[in-house]
Every structure is written in structure tokens, then in C-alpha cells.
Amino acid sequence: MNFDLSARSRQILEAIVEDYIATAEPVGSSAVARRHALTLSSATVRNVMSHLEEMGLLTSPHTSAGRIPTEKAYRFYVDSLVGLRQISREEKNNIIRRCRQSGAGLPEILKETSRTLSSLSNYVGIVVAPSFTSDIFRQIEFIRIGTHRVLAILVSTNGLVQNRLVETNEDIPENDLLRMSNYLNELMQGLTISQARARILAEMKNEKVQYDSMMSRALQISEQAVTTGGDEIFLEGQARILDQPEFSDAARMKDIFRAFEQKGQMLQLLSRCMNADGVQIYIGSETPVSLSAGVSLITSRFITPNKTVGLLGVIGPTRMGYSTVIPMVDYTARLVSRLLSET
């Protein structure tokens, strides 16, 4: 967003944004002059603030003479004014320790990463696992759990697991289920999950298979198991966002929790962020998440050894500490990529 602002206007806008981030209170001209040691009178600051308001960068709540930043102001601040804080060695070690302590498996790393992002930012940590269907197939196992019910456990080489409950037309003994899984593990070895599904569908048309009862049943069960289900999403710290004063309204609380509960919809919307390299910052109405206004999202991609892509980030109020959260998200994404290459 391009605004032709003088050095003085930029300085005052930066001061107002940072004061509002810190206090959540409308910022007055005298407070700007005092806190930031500006060699300007309150009247001069007030005139500049009026000009910034005319440009749509500030707004004045009817209950206060102070001003608060608009979405346009936050966007200009992030693009042109914010000074990113360097992550200290101690903070880096803390992130590494927390992301590693849960074990080497991908689900555990991602779950702990969302907790870490939430804890360090004091907002909502979000991690979207890499697309399961792009993962390489490792194995499938069948467990008989009833007369006509089988639990299919599908595992990828990344360590992601999907369980599918499959209804069968007949009771299948445990020995036959073992033979079926052995046959399928050989058939699908080295394929991605989506390729494995295509191979199953092709094999089901094979005349030889149609005359082999065991192979035919195995393919029918696995066809239901290897579905293109949704990817997994890890959310931590949903309640933290409600600690922010701008979300104290009961109706807004309800809207936010409803959005967090609709993980399928959130995954679909967040998939748009997967195509962009580096840290992406979505402010207010730019946010591809069905939340109320006043929410920002900072994301970055991470990559698995199989070159599949996941997403991590932080959801918070538009009044979030961008200077701290942006480098944190960037560092964590690069760390997770590195940790996964070591597993």
C-alpha cells in the first residue's frame, strides 16, 4: 500500500501504531509527543493526526479524543515502518528445545510447534500438516474390530497416520486380513497416497483380480481406506486470543470459537497460503480465515524431506506485536524444515 507520507507523518504514525499495540487504548497527540520525545508541539502532532485520519490511516472512536490505527495503517506499518526484532540465542534455543522434546515423529513435532508458537506469541499457534495424499505410502494394516467392521490404518513415510473404519459385507478372519495387507503393501510400495489410490482403482478392473477372492476383497477395503481425506491441522491457544480487550464482546467470542471449530473450512482457506514463499502477513479483511474483523494471520511454509509443504503461523488481533511475531514465525518454519530433514 503506497502512501506519500513525509518523514514527520511516518514518525507519528509509527508512534501511534506502536502505542496502540502496547496499550489497546486510543492514542492522543500529547501522549505521542511525550512518550516518543518528539520535538513537536501537541498542536502540530494533532494536525498531522487529522491529516492521517483524512487519508484513512487513523480513526477516532466516538468515546475518545484519541486515534486508533486502521487496517491500512497496519499494512503501511508492516510494509514500510516496522523494525523486526532479532531473535536472541536464548529464544532460539528455547524454540529448538520445545519442538524437539516431543520426539522425532512428524505429528508430535507439529503439535508441539503449534503449542510453542502460541506460548511465545501469546496468541493462537496454527500448524497445517503437509498434504497426506502427497506423502509416500509406507504401509497399511487391517484390524478386525467386529463381525463386519475393519479398522484400516494407513501410514506415510512422513509418519502421518490416517485411520478409516470400513464396513464389510462379510466377516473376514484375522489371517485373511494379514494376507490382504501384505499384498497391498507390496502393490503400493513407493507410491504417493494419491498414486496408491489410482493403482487400487486400476487393479480393481483387472480380470485376474476379479477372479481372486482375496485380492478382490483387499482392493475393495483399501479403496475405502485410501480416500483423499483432509489434511490435519493443529491449533493451540484459542483461549489466549480472548484475553485481548478487543475480543471481550460475547458475540465476537462466539464467532471466533465457531471459526476455530470449523477446521475443514479453515484448512481450505489456509491452503491459499501454501503457494507463497517466505513469511506472509494477512491483516484484517485480507485474512483468508473466516474470523471476524480485527484478526491478523502471519504464516510461513515448511518443507518435508519428501518435498511436501506444510504451513505454520500465528493468529492474533490486528493489534499484534508484528516486530516480534514475524521473525518468530520465520525462524520456526526454517527450524521445522531442518528438524524434519533429520528424522
Protein backbone atom coordinates (compact mmCIF):
# COMPACT_ATOMS: atom_id res chain seq x y z
CA MET A 1 0.00 0.00 0.00
CA ASN A 2 1.61 3.23 -1.17
CA PHE A 3 1.07 6.46 0.79
CA ASP A 4 3.16 9.54 0.14
CA LEU A 5 3.96 10.45 3.74
CA SER A 6 6.51 12.94 4.98
CA ALA A 7 9.17 11.82 7.45
CA ARG A 8 7.21 13.58 10.22
CA SER A 9 3.93 11.84 9.31
CA ARG A 10 5.68 8.45 9.14
CA GLN A 11 7.25 9.04 12.55
CA ILE A 12 3.94 9.99 14.14
CA LEU A 13 2.04 7.13 12.51
CA GLU A 14 4.68 4.65 13.69
CA ALA A 15 4.41 6.03 17.23
CA ILE A 16 0.60 5.73 17.23
CA VAL A 17 0.62 2.16 15.90
CA GLU A 18 3.22 1.03 18.42
CA ASP A 19 1.47 2.78 21.32
CA TYR A 20 -1.84 1.21 20.37
CA ILE A 21 -0.23 -2.24 20.05
CA ALA A 22 1.17 -1.82 23.55
CA THR A 23 -1.89 -0.37 25.30
CA ALA A 24 -5.03 -1.14 23.24
CA GLU A 25 -6.11 2.41 24.15
CA PRO A 26 -6.77 5.28 21.71
CA VAL A 27 -3.66 7.43 21.39
CA GLY A 28 -3.77 11.20 21.91
CA SER A 29 -1.45 13.86 20.49
CA SER A 30 0.05 14.82 23.85
CA ALA A 31 0.89 11.16 24.61
CA VAL A 32 2.65 10.80 21.26
CA ALA A 33 4.75 13.93 21.84
CA ARG A 34 5.60 12.92 25.43
CA ARG A 35 6.33 9.19 25.04
CA HIS A 36 8.40 9.48 21.90
CA ALA A 37 10.28 12.63 22.82
CA LEU A 38 9.24 14.41 19.64
CA THR A 39 10.44 17.99 19.29
CA LEU A 40 6.92 18.92 18.21
CA SER A 41 4.07 20.62 19.99
CA SER A 42 0.87 18.73 20.74
CA ALA A 43 -0.92 21.03 18.29
CA THR A 44 1.46 20.06 15.47
CA VAL A 45 1.06 16.36 16.26
CA ARG A 46 -2.72 16.84 16.35
CA ASN A 47 -2.69 18.44 12.88
CA VAL A 48 -0.65 15.55 11.47
CA MET A 49 -3.04 13.07 13.09
CA SER A 50 -6.00 14.82 11.46
CA HIS A 51 -4.28 14.54 8.08
CA LEU A 52 -3.60 10.83 8.67
CA GLU A 53 -7.25 10.36 9.55
CA GLU A 54 -8.32 12.03 6.31
CA MET A 55 -6.08 9.54 4.46
CA GLY A 56 -7.87 6.63 6.13
CA LEU A 57 -4.88 5.60 8.26
CA LEU A 58 -6.40 6.57 11.62
CA THR A 59 -9.88 6.58 13.04
CA SER A 60 -11.33 8.30 16.07
CA PRO A 61 -13.64 6.29 18.38
CA HIS A 62 -16.62 8.35 19.40
CA THR A 63 -15.85 7.79 23.08
CA SER A 64 -12.34 9.24 22.94
CA ALA A 65 -10.37 12.15 21.50
CA GLY A 66 -7.50 9.76 20.75
CA ARG A 67 -6.96 7.89 17.49
CA ILE A 68 -6.51 4.21 16.66
CA PRO A 69 -4.88 2.68 13.55
CA THR A 70 -6.98 1.30 10.70
CA GLU A 71 -6.18 -1.82 8.66
CA LYS A 72 -4.50 0.47 6.11
CA ALA A 73 -2.26 1.84 8.86
CA TYR A 74 -1.20 -1.64 9.98
CA ARG A 75 -0.48 -2.62 6.36
CA PHE A 76 1.66 0.51 5.82
CA TYR A 77 3.39 -0.09 9.16
CA VAL A 78 4.24 -3.70 8.29
CA ASP A 79 5.36 -2.86 4.75
CA SER A 80 7.31 0.32 5.46
CA LEU A 81 7.88 1.12 9.12
CA VAL A 82 8.22 -1.91 11.37
CA GLY A 83 11.65 -2.72 12.71
CA LEU A 84 11.91 -6.50 13.13
CA ARG A 85 13.44 -7.62 16.40
CA GLN A 86 16.27 -10.13 16.20
CA ILE A 87 15.55 -13.44 17.93
CA SER A 88 18.06 -13.95 20.71
CA ARG A 89 20.16 -17.10 21.02
CA GLU A 90 18.25 -17.96 24.20
CA GLU A 91 14.91 -17.70 22.38
CA LYS A 92 16.19 -19.83 19.51
CA ASN A 93 17.40 -22.50 21.94
CA ASN A 94 14.02 -22.43 23.67
CA ILE A 95 12.18 -22.99 20.37
CA ILE A 96 14.56 -25.81 19.40
CA ARG A 97 14.21 -27.49 22.80
CA ARG A 98 10.42 -27.34 22.79
CA CYS A 99 10.00 -28.54 19.20
CA ARG A 100 12.41 -31.44 19.74
CA GLN A 101 11.28 -32.65 23.17
CA SER A 102 8.15 -34.40 21.94
CA GLY A 103 10.02 -36.98 19.82
CA ALA A 104 11.03 -37.45 16.22
CA GLY A 105 7.64 -38.19 14.63
CA LEU A 106 6.09 -35.58 12.36
CA PRO A 107 2.71 -35.35 14.17
CA GLU A 108 4.44 -34.83 17.53
CA ILE A 109 6.76 -32.18 16.13
CA LEU A 110 3.88 -30.28 14.52
CA LYS A 111 1.68 -30.45 17.61
CA GLU A 112 4.49 -29.16 19.83
CA THR A 113 5.29 -26.45 17.27
CA SER A 114 1.74 -25.07 17.46
CA ARG A 115 2.00 -25.04 21.28
CA THR A 116 5.35 -23.25 21.11
CA LEU A 117 4.10 -20.58 18.72
CA SER A 118 1.08 -19.96 20.94
CA SER A 119 3.13 -19.82 24.13
CA LEU A 120 5.81 -17.47 22.78
CA SER A 121 3.44 -15.12 20.95
CA ASN A 122 0.60 -15.30 23.49
CA TYR A 123 -1.79 -15.68 20.55
CA VAL A 124 -3.08 -18.74 18.64
CA GLY A 125 -0.48 -21.09 17.18
CA ILE A 126 -1.52 -22.88 13.99
CA VAL A 127 0.19 -25.65 12.02
CA VAL A 128 -1.15 -27.34 8.89
CA ALA A 129 0.41 -30.73 8.21
CA PRO A 130 1.71 -31.43 4.70
CA SER A 131 -0.87 -32.89 2.34
CA PHE A 132 -1.32 -36.54 3.25
CA THR A 133 -2.13 -37.55 -0.32
CA SER A 134 1.24 -36.20 -1.49
CA ASP A 135 3.11 -38.33 1.06
CA ILE A 136 4.82 -41.57 0.10
CA PHE A 137 2.94 -44.71 1.17
CA ARG A 138 4.68 -46.77 3.86
CA GLN A 139 2.21 -49.42 4.95
CA ILE A 140 -1.40 -50.35 5.52
CA GLU A 141 -2.69 -52.59 8.29
CA PHE A 142 -6.15 -54.05 8.90
CA ILE A 143 -7.58 -54.82 12.34
CA ARG A 144 -10.83 -56.74 12.79
CA ILE A 145 -12.98 -54.88 15.32
CA GLY A 146 -16.36 -56.54 14.70
CA THR A 147 -18.20 -59.08 12.58
CA HIS A 148 -18.47 -56.72 9.61
CA ARG A 149 -16.10 -53.93 10.60
CA VAL A 150 -12.40 -53.44 9.89
CA LEU A 151 -10.10 -50.64 11.01
CA ALA A 152 -7.68 -49.70 8.25
CA ILE A 153 -4.51 -47.94 9.45
CA LEU A 154 -2.65 -46.10 6.70
CA VAL A 155 0.88 -44.79 7.41
CA SER A 156 3.03 -42.50 5.25
CA THR A 157 6.81 -42.25 5.23
CA ASN A 158 6.49 -38.87 6.97
CA GLY A 159 4.93 -40.66 9.92
CA LEU A 160 1.43 -39.32 9.38
CA VAL A 161 -1.33 -41.81 10.18
CA GLN A 162 -4.91 -41.96 8.95
CA ASN A 163 -7.45 -44.39 10.39
CA ARG A 164 -10.51 -45.46 8.44
CA LEU A 165 -13.38 -47.57 9.74
CA VAL A 166 -14.55 -49.81 6.88
CA GLU A 167 -17.84 -51.70 6.74
CA THR A 168 -17.59 -55.13 5.03
CA ASN A 169 -20.24 -57.41 3.53
CA GLU A 170 -18.81 -60.46 5.27
CA ASP A 171 -16.83 -61.45 8.32
CA ILE A 172 -13.12 -61.53 7.42
CA PRO A 173 -10.77 -63.65 9.60
CA GLU A 174 -7.60 -62.08 11.01
CA ASN A 175 -5.39 -64.36 8.86
CA ASP A 176 -7.04 -63.15 5.69
CA LEU A 177 -6.67 -59.51 6.79
CA LEU A 178 -2.93 -60.11 7.28
CA ARG A 179 -2.61 -61.62 3.79
CA MET A 180 -4.54 -58.67 2.35
CA SER A 181 -2.28 -56.10 4.00
CA ASN A 182 0.85 -57.94 2.79
CA TYR A 183 -0.50 -57.96 -0.77
CA LEU A 184 -1.38 -54.24 -0.65
CA ASN A 185 1.91 -53.22 0.98
CA GLU A 186 3.74 -54.78 -1.96
CA LEU A 187 1.34 -53.31 -4.52
CA MET A 188 1.57 -49.73 -3.27
CA GLN A 189 5.21 -49.55 -2.18
CA GLY A 190 6.99 -46.39 -3.37
CA LEU A 191 3.82 -44.62 -4.48
CA THR A 192 2.30 -41.44 -3.10
CA ILE A 193 -1.03 -41.89 -1.34
CA SER A 194 -2.89 -40.42 -4.32
CA GLN A 195 -0.96 -42.70 -6.72
CA ALA A 196 -1.76 -45.68 -4.49
CA ARG A 197 -5.45 -44.88 -4.77
CA ALA A 198 -5.17 -44.71 -8.57
CA ARG A 199 -3.30 -48.05 -8.61
CA ILE A 200 -6.05 -49.66 -6.49
CA LEU A 201 -8.78 -48.42 -8.83
CA ALA A 202 -6.86 -49.69 -11.86
CA GLU A 203 -6.24 -53.11 -10.26
CA MET A 204 -9.94 -53.48 -9.45
CA LYS A 205 -10.63 -53.59 -13.21
CA ASN A 206 -8.08 -56.36 -13.75
CA GLU A 207 -9.87 -59.60 -14.72
CA LYS A 208 -7.37 -61.77 -12.87
CA VAL A 209 -8.00 -59.84 -9.66
CA GLN A 210 -11.77 -60.11 -10.08
CA TYR A 211 -11.48 -63.90 -10.05
CA ASP A 212 -9.20 -63.92 -6.96
CA SER A 213 -11.48 -63.54 -3.97
CA MET A 214 -8.77 -62.44 -1.52
CA MET A 215 -7.23 -59.78 -3.79
CA SER A 216 -10.65 -58.51 -4.79
CA ARG A 217 -11.74 -58.07 -1.17
CA ALA A 218 -8.40 -56.46 -0.27
CA LEU A 219 -8.79 -53.87 -3.02
CA GLN A 220 -12.40 -53.13 -2.07
CA ILE A 221 -11.44 -52.48 1.55
CA SER A 222 -8.34 -50.46 0.70
CA GLU A 223 -10.29 -48.36 -1.83
CA GLN A 224 -12.41 -47.12 1.07
CA ALA A 225 -9.36 -46.68 3.29
CA VAL A 226 -7.16 -44.74 0.87
CA THR A 227 -9.50 -41.81 0.49
CA THR A 228 -8.41 -38.27 -0.22
CA GLY A 229 -9.27 -37.07 3.25
CA GLY A 230 -8.46 -33.63 4.61
CA ASP A 231 -5.06 -32.74 5.96
CA GLU A 232 -4.50 -32.36 9.67
CA ILE A 233 -4.50 -29.01 11.42
CA PHE A 234 -3.09 -28.27 14.88
CA LEU A 235 -4.47 -25.29 16.79
CA GLU A 236 -3.24 -24.24 20.20
CA GLY A 237 -4.12 -21.33 22.45
CA GLN A 238 -7.57 -20.45 21.15
CA ALA A 239 -8.47 -19.06 24.57
CA ARG A 240 -5.44 -16.75 24.54
CA ILE A 241 -6.95 -14.51 21.89
CA LEU A 242 -9.93 -13.90 24.14
CA ASP A 243 -7.61 -12.31 26.69
CA GLN A 244 -7.19 -9.40 24.27
CA PRO A 245 -9.51 -6.49 25.16
CA GLU A 246 -10.88 -6.13 21.62
CA PHE A 247 -12.42 -9.61 21.86
CA SER A 248 -14.26 -9.15 25.15
CA ASP A 249 -17.63 -8.87 23.40
CA ALA A 250 -19.65 -12.09 23.80
CA ALA A 251 -20.87 -12.15 20.19
CA ARG A 252 -17.33 -11.82 18.85
CA MET A 253 -16.13 -14.56 21.19
CA LYS A 254 -18.80 -16.86 19.79
CA ASP A 255 -17.86 -16.04 16.18
CA ILE A 256 -14.18 -16.71 16.82
CA PHE A 257 -14.72 -20.05 18.56
CA ARG A 258 -17.12 -21.14 15.80
CA ALA A 259 -14.44 -20.38 13.20
CA PHE A 260 -11.79 -22.32 15.12
CA GLU A 261 -14.11 -25.32 15.39
CA GLN A 262 -14.64 -25.43 11.59
CA LYS A 263 -11.23 -26.91 10.87
CA GLY A 264 -12.24 -28.25 7.46
CA GLN A 265 -13.20 -24.80 6.25
CA MET A 266 -10.10 -23.30 7.83
CA LEU A 267 -7.90 -25.82 6.01
CA GLN A 268 -9.50 -24.95 2.70
CA LEU A 269 -8.91 -21.26 3.25
CA LEU A 270 -5.36 -21.69 4.56
CA SER A 271 -4.43 -23.75 1.50
CA ARG A 272 -4.23 -20.42 -0.35
CA CYS A 273 -1.23 -19.51 1.80
CA MET A 274 0.67 -22.66 0.77
CA ASN A 275 1.70 -21.24 -2.61
CA ALA A 276 3.68 -18.27 -1.29
CA ASP A 277 7.32 -18.40 -0.21
CA GLY A 278 8.60 -16.65 2.87
CA VAL A 279 6.61 -15.01 5.63
CA GLN A 280 3.12 -13.88 4.61
CA ILE A 281 1.19 -11.30 6.61
CA TYR A 282 -2.59 -11.00 6.29
CA ILE A 283 -4.22 -8.13 8.14
CA GLY A 284 -7.91 -7.90 9.00
CA SER A 285 -10.05 -8.34 5.89
CA GLU A 286 -7.03 -9.72 3.99
CA THR A 287 -7.03 -12.76 6.28
CA PRO A 288 -8.07 -15.96 4.44
CA VAL A 289 -9.73 -17.30 7.60
CA SER A 290 -13.44 -16.92 8.35
CA LEU A 291 -12.99 -14.88 11.51
CA SER A 292 -14.48 -11.56 12.49
CA ALA A 293 -12.68 -8.36 11.53
CA GLY A 294 -9.79 -7.32 13.72
CA VAL A 295 -7.75 -10.52 13.27
CA SER A 296 -4.38 -10.91 11.56
CA LEU A 297 -2.54 -14.02 10.39
CA ILE A 298 1.22 -14.45 9.94
CA THR A 299 2.32 -17.64 8.14
CA SER A 300 5.32 -19.34 6.61
CA ARG A 301 5.75 -22.64 4.79
CA PHE A 302 7.94 -25.54 5.87
CA ILE A 303 9.08 -28.43 3.69
CA THR A 304 9.45 -32.14 4.48
CA PRO A 305 12.26 -34.35 3.13
CA ASN A 306 9.75 -35.64 0.55
CA LYS A 307 9.29 -32.03 -0.66
CA THR A 308 5.70 -31.84 0.57
CA VAL A 309 4.71 -28.48 2.02
CA GLY A 310 3.14 -27.60 5.36
CA LEU A 311 2.19 -24.29 6.91
CA LEU A 312 2.67 -22.74 10.33
CA GLY A 313 1.85 -19.40 11.83
CA VAL A 314 0.15 -17.24 14.41
CA ILE A 315 -3.39 -15.85 14.54
CA GLY A 316 -3.86 -12.76 16.68
CA PRO A 317 -5.52 -9.37 16.77
CA THR A 318 -4.60 -6.78 14.15
CA ARG A 319 -3.04 -5.07 17.16
CA MET A 320 -0.39 -7.78 17.43
CA GLY A 321 3.34 -7.33 18.02
CA TYR A 322 4.43 -7.72 14.40
CA SER A 323 8.06 -6.85 15.14
CA THR A 324 8.32 -9.92 17.38
CA VAL A 325 5.93 -12.39 15.75
CA ILE A 326 7.21 -12.06 12.15
CA PRO A 327 10.81 -13.17 12.92
CA MET A 328 9.50 -15.86 15.29
CA VAL A 329 7.32 -17.43 12.58
CA ASP A 330 10.14 -17.16 10.03
CA TYR A 331 12.69 -18.84 12.31
CA THR A 332 10.30 -21.58 13.42
CA ALA A 333 9.40 -22.53 9.84
CA ARG A 334 13.07 -22.85 8.90
CA LEU A 335 13.72 -24.84 12.09
CA VAL A 336 10.87 -27.29 11.46
CA SER A 337 12.13 -27.90 7.91
CA ARG A 338 15.56 -28.67 9.35
CA LEU A 339 14.22 -30.91 12.12
CA LEU A 340 12.18 -32.93 9.64
CA SER A 341 15.23 -33.47 7.45
CA GLU A 342 16.95 -35.02 10.49
CA THR A 343 14.17 -37.53 11.28
